[in-house]
Amino acid sequence: MPLVCLRDFQAHARDHLSKSTWDFIEGGADDCCTRDENMAAFKKIRLRPRYLRDVSKVDMRTTIQGAEISAPICIAPTGFHRIAWPDGEMSTARAAQAASICYITSTYASCSLEDIVAAAPRGLRWFQLYVHPSRQINKQLIQKVESLGFKALVITVDVPKVGNRRHDITNQVNLMQNLWLKDLGSPEMGNSMPYFQMSPIDPSICWEDLSWFQSMTRLPIILKGILTKEDAELAVKHNVHGIIVSNHGGRQLDEVPASIDALTEVVAAVKGKVEVYLDGGIRTGNDVLKALALGAKCVFVGRPILWGLAYKGEHGVKEVLDILKNEFHTSMTLTGCRSVAEINQDLIQFSRL
């Protein structure tokens, strides 16, 4: 039986992955309120379609940081793809390249950056950085990704400490025993170090530190994890190039707003000075349309990519992306949008239910 929507891929992954792997992918922080609200919040938004428009040609293309993508649907950074498929991030990168979209590679990738780039040399790649306490390691990694052709540096800001993920504690998840991070080497230890030696994330990082990162690279810097107007305004003040509105898939601080609910506040705060993106809760083409209507330039998808990997590797990820793109094309057509530039807030209303 064919898998026809993202929920089908979720069900397949649940049935075929080990319990600990499934719980690691699906788990959220504490009671998982935010994880679940990320999806539920989209259902409180209704669409206002416009008809009798010529929608014989619908163009989903857009740009992010000046690079063209085939649709405003890209791949969010998630770690350890080899827990879902043997080729891990190499399969993800190939699928993203085939789809002509952006793939944000995680600091915690389970394949080397060289292998990921070699697997998809023409793909649009950004790199997600967890800031390490060692400036030397950060510098080394930033220089490496820039030399490998990554086009943006995405700094995750919402993990000064890992959230309280009960499933992982219960299952005693210990990825360090079987996965190596090959890109966080130090001059003393060569090109690779075990995960347990590289896992620290710097809890002291603050706004004033951004200038150091900007001095390290010519890459545009995107901040991932912004949820408030105050932090959005500070991001603009500190000359970042973009913001990903995100609550880390509900895996960090529980009971914060759903990403889609925080989006409007952030978009209003930046006043068009930087591009704003969203991740969290995207499961249908309608969700993509709603996010763009509220001001997102593009959405990033996390867990569904891992479901696709678990189904059929690169081809499974391609199927997930194709479904989302086809659904989004239908959503645009049925609301009267011929291009992403025509998607605006007039297309939505908030349900009273």
Protein backbone atom coordinates (compact mmCIF):
# COMPACT_ATOMS: atom_id res chain seq x y z
CA MET A 1 0.00 0.00 0.00
CA PRO A 2 1.53 3.36 -1.00
CA LEU A 3 2.31 6.00 1.61
CA VAL A 4 0.28 9.05 0.62
CA CYS A 5 0.82 11.58 3.42
CA LEU A 6 3.45 12.36 6.03
CA ARG A 7 1.43 10.60 8.73
CA ASP A 8 1.83 7.36 6.77
CA PHE A 9 5.60 7.73 6.94
CA GLN A 10 5.35 8.40 10.66
CA ALA A 11 3.34 5.22 11.20
CA HIS A 12 5.79 3.18 9.13
CA ALA A 13 8.77 4.52 11.11
CA ARG A 14 7.03 3.77 14.41
CA ASP A 15 6.49 0.18 13.32
CA HIS A 16 10.00 -0.44 11.97
CA LEU A 17 12.42 1.46 14.22
CA SER A 18 13.52 0.24 17.63
CA LYS A 19 11.62 1.72 20.55
CA SER A 20 14.61 3.69 21.80
CA THR A 21 15.30 5.12 18.33
CA TRP A 22 11.63 5.98 17.81
CA ASP A 23 11.45 7.65 21.22
CA PHE A 24 14.63 9.63 20.50
CA ILE A 25 13.19 10.97 17.24
CA GLU A 26 9.66 11.63 18.47
CA GLY A 27 10.30 12.63 22.06
CA GLY A 28 9.77 16.09 23.42
CA ALA A 29 10.59 17.85 26.66
CA ASP A 30 8.66 17.17 29.87
CA ASP A 31 4.95 16.60 29.06
CA CYS A 32 5.46 17.26 25.31
CA CYS A 33 2.91 20.09 25.38
CA THR A 34 4.88 22.25 22.96
CA ARG A 35 5.74 19.35 20.67
CA ASP A 36 2.06 18.56 20.24
CA GLU A 37 0.96 22.20 20.10
CA ASN A 38 3.33 22.81 17.19
CA MET A 39 0.97 20.76 15.05
CA ALA A 40 -2.33 21.58 16.75
CA ALA A 41 -1.79 25.33 16.35
CA PHE A 42 -1.85 25.04 12.56
CA LYS A 43 -5.35 23.56 12.75
CA LYS A 44 -6.64 26.73 14.44
CA ILE A 45 -5.91 28.66 11.25
CA ARG A 46 -8.42 28.56 8.41
CA LEU A 47 -7.84 29.41 4.76
CA ARG A 48 -9.72 32.06 2.76
CA PRO A 49 -9.50 30.91 -0.87
CA ARG A 50 -9.85 33.29 -3.80
CA TYR A 51 -11.33 31.99 -7.05
CA LEU A 52 -11.68 32.93 -10.72
CA ARG A 53 -7.99 33.59 -11.04
CA ASP A 54 -5.85 32.08 -13.75
CA VAL A 55 -3.99 29.34 -11.89
CA SER A 56 -3.04 27.34 -14.97
CA LYS A 57 0.58 28.09 -14.05
CA VAL A 58 1.64 28.02 -10.40
CA ASP A 59 5.27 28.80 -9.52
CA MET A 60 6.51 27.53 -6.14
CA ARG A 61 10.06 28.84 -6.54
CA THR A 62 11.53 31.32 -4.09
CA THR A 63 14.91 32.41 -2.76
CA ILE A 64 16.60 32.18 0.63
CA GLN A 65 19.69 34.30 1.29
CA GLY A 66 19.76 34.97 -2.45
CA ALA A 67 19.80 31.31 -3.54
CA GLU A 68 16.89 29.93 -5.56
CA ILE A 69 15.03 26.87 -4.29
CA SER A 70 12.28 24.93 -6.05
CA ALA A 71 9.80 25.45 -3.20
CA PRO A 72 9.84 27.09 0.25
CA ILE A 73 10.19 23.66 1.89
CA CYS A 74 13.65 22.75 3.16
CA ILE A 75 15.32 20.32 5.57
CA ALA A 76 15.89 21.34 9.19
CA PRO A 77 19.00 20.25 11.08
CA THR A 78 18.55 16.98 12.95
CA GLY A 79 21.38 14.80 14.23
CA PHE A 80 22.37 11.16 13.91
CA HIS A 81 20.63 10.24 10.65
CA ARG A 82 22.34 6.86 10.67
CA ILE A 83 19.98 5.73 13.41
CA ALA A 84 17.29 5.77 10.71
CA TRP A 85 19.24 4.61 7.62
CA PRO A 86 22.79 3.27 7.09
CA ASP A 87 23.89 6.07 4.72
CA GLY A 88 22.48 8.69 7.08
CA GLU A 89 23.09 12.28 6.10
CA MET A 90 24.54 11.30 2.73
CA SER A 91 21.10 10.02 1.70
CA THR A 92 19.45 13.16 3.07
CA ALA A 93 21.84 15.39 1.13
CA ARG A 94 21.22 13.51 -2.12
CA ALA A 95 17.45 13.84 -1.72
CA ALA A 96 17.74 17.57 -1.01
CA GLN A 97 19.93 18.08 -4.07
CA ALA A 98 17.48 16.17 -6.27
CA ALA A 99 14.63 18.31 -4.95
CA SER A 100 16.58 21.58 -5.43
CA ILE A 101 16.06 22.70 -1.84
CA CYS A 102 18.31 23.60 1.09
CA TYR A 103 19.56 21.08 3.63
CA ILE A 104 20.84 22.36 6.99
CA THR A 105 23.43 19.86 8.18
CA SER A 106 23.65 19.37 11.95
CA THR A 107 26.76 19.67 14.09
CA TYR A 108 25.73 16.21 15.28
CA ALA A 109 25.77 14.62 11.83
CA SER A 110 26.72 10.95 11.89
CA CYS A 111 28.56 11.21 8.54
CA SER A 112 31.61 13.38 7.91
CA LEU A 113 31.03 16.71 6.24
CA GLU A 114 33.35 15.62 3.42
CA ASP A 115 31.20 12.56 2.75
CA ILE A 116 28.00 14.60 2.85
CA VAL A 117 29.38 17.12 0.37
CA ALA A 118 30.74 14.38 -1.90
CA ALA A 119 27.32 12.69 -1.91
CA ALA A 120 25.60 15.86 -3.17
CA PRO A 121 28.23 18.25 -4.51
CA ARG A 122 25.72 20.57 -6.22
CA GLY A 123 23.32 20.79 -3.29
CA LEU A 124 22.51 23.98 -1.38
CA ARG A 125 23.88 23.44 2.12
CA TRP A 126 23.78 25.46 5.32
CA PHE A 127 25.53 24.34 8.50
CA GLN A 128 23.97 24.33 11.96
CA LEU A 129 26.39 25.06 14.80
CA TYR A 130 26.09 24.14 18.45
CA VAL A 131 28.57 26.54 20.02
CA HIS A 132 31.33 24.62 21.77
CA PRO A 133 33.09 26.08 24.83
CA SER A 134 36.37 25.99 22.89
CA ARG A 135 36.75 28.96 20.55
CA GLN A 136 39.45 27.03 18.70
CA ILE A 137 37.07 24.16 17.90
CA ASN A 138 34.37 26.59 16.78
CA LYS A 139 36.85 28.42 14.55
CA GLN A 140 38.15 25.18 13.07
CA LEU A 141 34.66 23.94 12.27
CA ILE A 142 33.47 27.24 10.80
CA GLN A 143 36.50 27.43 8.54
CA LYS A 144 35.94 23.85 7.48
CA VAL A 145 32.30 24.29 6.49
CA GLU A 146 33.10 27.48 4.62
CA SER A 147 35.87 25.74 2.67
CA LEU A 148 33.46 22.87 1.85
CA GLY A 149 30.97 25.20 0.22
CA PHE A 150 28.30 25.60 2.88
CA LYS A 151 26.43 28.83 2.20
CA ALA A 152 25.23 29.93 5.66
CA LEU A 153 26.02 29.39 9.33
CA VAL A 154 22.97 28.59 11.47
CA ILE A 155 23.69 29.12 15.17
CA THR A 156 21.29 27.34 17.50
CA VAL A 157 20.53 29.61 20.46
CA ASP A 158 17.99 27.61 22.48
CA VAL A 159 20.28 24.93 23.94
CA PRO A 160 22.35 26.43 26.78
CA LYS A 161 21.35 23.16 28.42
CA VAL A 162 19.66 20.10 26.93
CA GLY A 163 15.94 19.95 27.72
CA ASN A 164 14.40 17.38 30.01
CA ARG A 165 13.67 14.59 27.53
CA ARG A 166 12.09 11.90 29.66
CA HIS A 167 11.99 9.19 27.00
CA ASP A 168 15.74 9.38 26.50
CA ILE A 169 16.33 9.23 30.24
CA THR A 170 14.01 6.23 30.59
CA ASN A 171 15.58 4.43 27.64
CA GLN A 172 19.09 5.40 28.74
CA VAL A 173 19.79 6.60 25.21
CA ASN A 174 23.54 6.77 24.78
CA LEU A 175 24.38 7.62 21.20
CA MET A 176 27.99 8.16 22.14
CA GLN A 177 28.49 4.41 22.33
CA ASN A 178 27.93 3.77 18.65
CA LEU A 179 28.18 7.06 16.79
CA TRP A 180 31.15 9.29 16.13
CA LEU A 181 31.13 12.93 15.19
CA LYS A 182 33.84 13.27 12.62
CA ASP A 183 33.91 17.02 12.24
CA LEU A 184 34.64 18.30 15.72
CA GLY A 185 38.30 17.45 15.82
CA SER A 186 40.94 19.32 17.74
CA PRO A 187 44.55 19.94 16.74
CA GLU A 188 45.63 17.53 19.46
CA MET A 189 43.33 14.67 18.51
CA GLY A 190 43.25 14.78 14.75
CA ASN A 191 40.16 14.78 12.58
CA SER A 192 37.67 12.90 14.73
CA MET A 193 36.70 12.64 18.34
CA PRO A 194 34.11 10.54 20.14
CA TYR A 195 30.75 12.13 20.74
CA PHE A 196 31.16 12.17 24.52
CA GLN A 197 34.21 14.41 24.23
CA MET A 198 32.49 16.80 21.86
CA SER A 199 29.02 17.06 23.35
CA PRO A 200 29.47 20.20 25.54
CA ILE A 201 27.49 23.23 24.42
CA ASP A 202 28.62 26.61 25.70
CA PRO A 203 26.00 27.96 28.15
CA SER A 204 27.81 31.31 28.41
CA ILE A 205 27.18 32.37 24.80
CA CYS A 206 25.54 35.82 24.62
CA TRP A 207 24.66 38.53 22.11
CA GLU A 208 28.06 40.19 22.36
CA ASP A 209 29.70 36.96 21.15
CA LEU A 210 28.06 37.20 17.74
CA SER A 211 30.65 39.70 16.58
CA TRP A 212 33.35 37.07 17.10
CA PHE A 213 31.50 34.64 14.83
CA GLN A 214 31.00 37.37 12.26
CA SER A 215 34.75 38.02 12.32
CA MET A 216 35.38 34.33 11.62
CA THR A 217 33.39 34.01 8.42
CA ARG A 218 31.89 35.74 5.45
CA LEU A 219 28.92 33.38 5.59
CA PRO A 220 25.54 34.89 6.48
CA ILE A 221 24.64 34.07 10.08
CA ILE A 222 21.16 32.77 10.88
CA LEU A 223 19.91 32.41 14.46
CA LYS A 224 17.77 29.34 15.13
CA GLY A 225 15.46 29.25 18.14
CA ILE A 226 14.11 32.81 18.39
CA LEU A 227 10.55 33.02 19.77
CA THR A 228 10.05 36.61 21.00
CA LYS A 229 9.99 40.11 19.57
CA GLU A 230 12.64 41.20 22.06
CA ASP A 231 15.16 38.64 20.81
CA ALA A 232 14.17 39.28 17.20
CA GLU A 233 14.93 42.99 17.65
CA LEU A 234 18.29 42.14 19.23
CA ALA A 235 19.08 39.82 16.33
CA VAL A 236 18.53 42.67 13.88
CA LYS A 237 20.58 45.01 16.06
CA HIS A 238 23.46 42.53 15.98
CA ASN A 239 23.38 42.29 12.17
CA VAL A 240 22.36 38.69 11.68
CA HIS A 241 21.05 37.75 8.24
CA GLY A 242 18.07 35.60 9.21
CA ILE A 243 16.01 34.05 11.98
CA ILE A 244 14.50 30.59 12.24
CA VAL A 245 11.47 30.77 14.51
CA SER A 246 11.73 27.48 16.35
CA ASN A 247 11.16 25.81 19.71
CA HIS A 248 13.46 22.92 18.80
CA GLY A 249 10.52 20.69 17.92
CA GLY A 250 9.30 20.94 21.51
CA ARG A 251 12.47 19.21 22.72
CA GLN A 252 13.91 22.02 24.85
CA LEU A 253 11.68 24.19 27.07
CA ASP A 254 8.16 22.80 27.27
CA GLU A 255 5.12 25.09 27.42
CA VAL A 256 6.55 27.78 25.13
CA PRO A 257 4.45 28.95 22.18
CA ALA A 258 4.02 26.82 19.09
CA SER A 259 6.33 28.04 16.36
CA ILE A 260 3.46 29.20 14.16
CA ASP A 261 2.04 31.21 17.08
CA ALA A 262 5.39 32.94 17.68
CA LEU A 263 5.93 33.71 14.01
CA THR A 264 3.75 36.82 13.73
CA GLU A 265 5.48 38.51 16.67
CA VAL A 266 8.93 37.88 15.23
CA VAL A 267 8.00 38.93 11.69
CA ALA A 268 6.53 42.20 12.99
CA ALA A 269 9.62 42.90 15.08
CA VAL A 270 12.18 42.58 12.27
CA LYS A 271 10.26 44.96 9.97
CA GLY A 272 11.48 43.19 6.84
CA LYS A 273 15.16 43.79 7.64
CA VAL A 274 16.05 40.07 7.74
CA GLU A 275 14.48 36.93 6.36
CA VAL A 276 12.39 34.91 8.80
CA TYR A 277 11.93 31.15 8.51
CA LEU A 278 10.00 28.61 10.59
CA ASP A 279 10.36 25.06 11.74
CA GLY A 280 8.10 22.98 13.96
CA GLY A 281 4.84 21.19 13.17
CA ILE A 282 4.90 21.28 9.36
CA ARG A 283 3.02 18.18 8.19
CA THR A 284 0.98 19.29 5.14
CA GLY A 285 1.06 21.67 2.21
CA ASN A 286 -1.59 23.76 3.94
CA ASP A 287 0.79 24.20 6.89
CA VAL A 288 3.42 25.56 4.50
CA LEU A 289 0.93 28.02 3.00
CA LYS A 290 -0.17 29.22 6.45
CA ALA A 291 3.42 29.81 7.55
CA LEU A 292 4.17 31.84 4.43
CA ALA A 293 0.93 33.79 4.83
CA LEU A 294 2.10 34.81 8.31
CA GLY A 295 5.42 36.03 7.01
CA ALA A 296 7.83 33.09 6.83
CA LYS A 297 10.10 33.12 3.80
CA CYS A 298 10.52 29.35 3.96
CA VAL A 299 9.78 26.42 6.29
CA PHE A 300 12.15 23.72 7.48
CA VAL A 301 11.05 20.15 8.17
CA GLY A 302 12.66 17.92 10.79
CA ARG A 303 11.10 14.68 12.01
CA PRO A 304 9.36 13.81 8.71
CA ILE A 305 12.76 13.66 7.01
CA LEU A 306 13.85 10.99 9.48
CA TRP A 307 10.59 9.11 8.84
CA GLY A 308 11.41 9.18 5.13
CA LEU A 309 14.93 7.93 5.78
CA ALA A 310 13.58 5.05 7.87
CA TYR A 311 11.24 4.11 5.03
CA LYS A 312 13.60 4.01 2.07
CA GLY A 313 16.68 6.16 2.62
CA GLU A 314 17.25 8.81 -0.03
CA HIS A 315 14.16 7.70 -1.95
CA GLY A 316 12.02 7.87 1.17
CA VAL A 317 13.15 11.43 1.86
CA LYS A 318 12.44 12.31 -1.77
CA GLU A 319 8.92 10.89 -1.41
CA VAL A 320 8.30 12.96 1.74
CA LEU A 321 9.50 16.11 -0.01
CA ASP A 322 7.48 15.34 -3.15
CA ILE A 323 4.31 14.86 -1.12
CA LEU A 324 4.81 18.17 0.70
CA LYS A 325 5.61 19.99 -2.53
CA ASN A 326 2.61 18.51 -4.34
CA GLU A 327 0.32 19.36 -1.43
CA PHE A 328 1.69 22.90 -1.32
CA HIS A 329 1.13 23.27 -5.08
CA THR A 330 -2.48 22.19 -4.56
CA SER A 331 -2.88 24.62 -1.64
CA MET A 332 -1.55 27.48 -3.74
CA THR A 333 -3.78 26.58 -6.68
CA LEU A 334 -6.94 26.22 -4.61
CA THR A 335 -6.38 29.54 -2.82
CA GLY A 336 -5.69 31.41 -6.05
CA CYS A 337 -1.95 31.96 -5.61
CA ARG A 338 0.11 31.86 -8.79
CA SER A 339 3.41 32.58 -7.05
CA VAL A 340 4.71 32.63 -3.49
CA ALA A 341 4.74 36.43 -3.72
CA GLU A 342 0.92 36.32 -3.79
CA ILE A 343 0.69 34.46 -0.48
CA ASN A 344 -0.27 36.93 2.24
CA GLN A 345 -2.22 37.29 5.46
CA ASP A 346 -5.49 37.94 3.62
CA LEU A 347 -5.56 34.20 2.85
CA ILE A 348 -6.01 33.14 6.48
CA GLN A 349 -8.22 33.64 9.47
CA PHE A 350 -7.96 32.31 13.00
CA SER A 351 -10.65 29.86 14.00
CA ARG A 352 -12.70 30.50 17.12
CA LEU A 353 -12.90 26.78 17.81
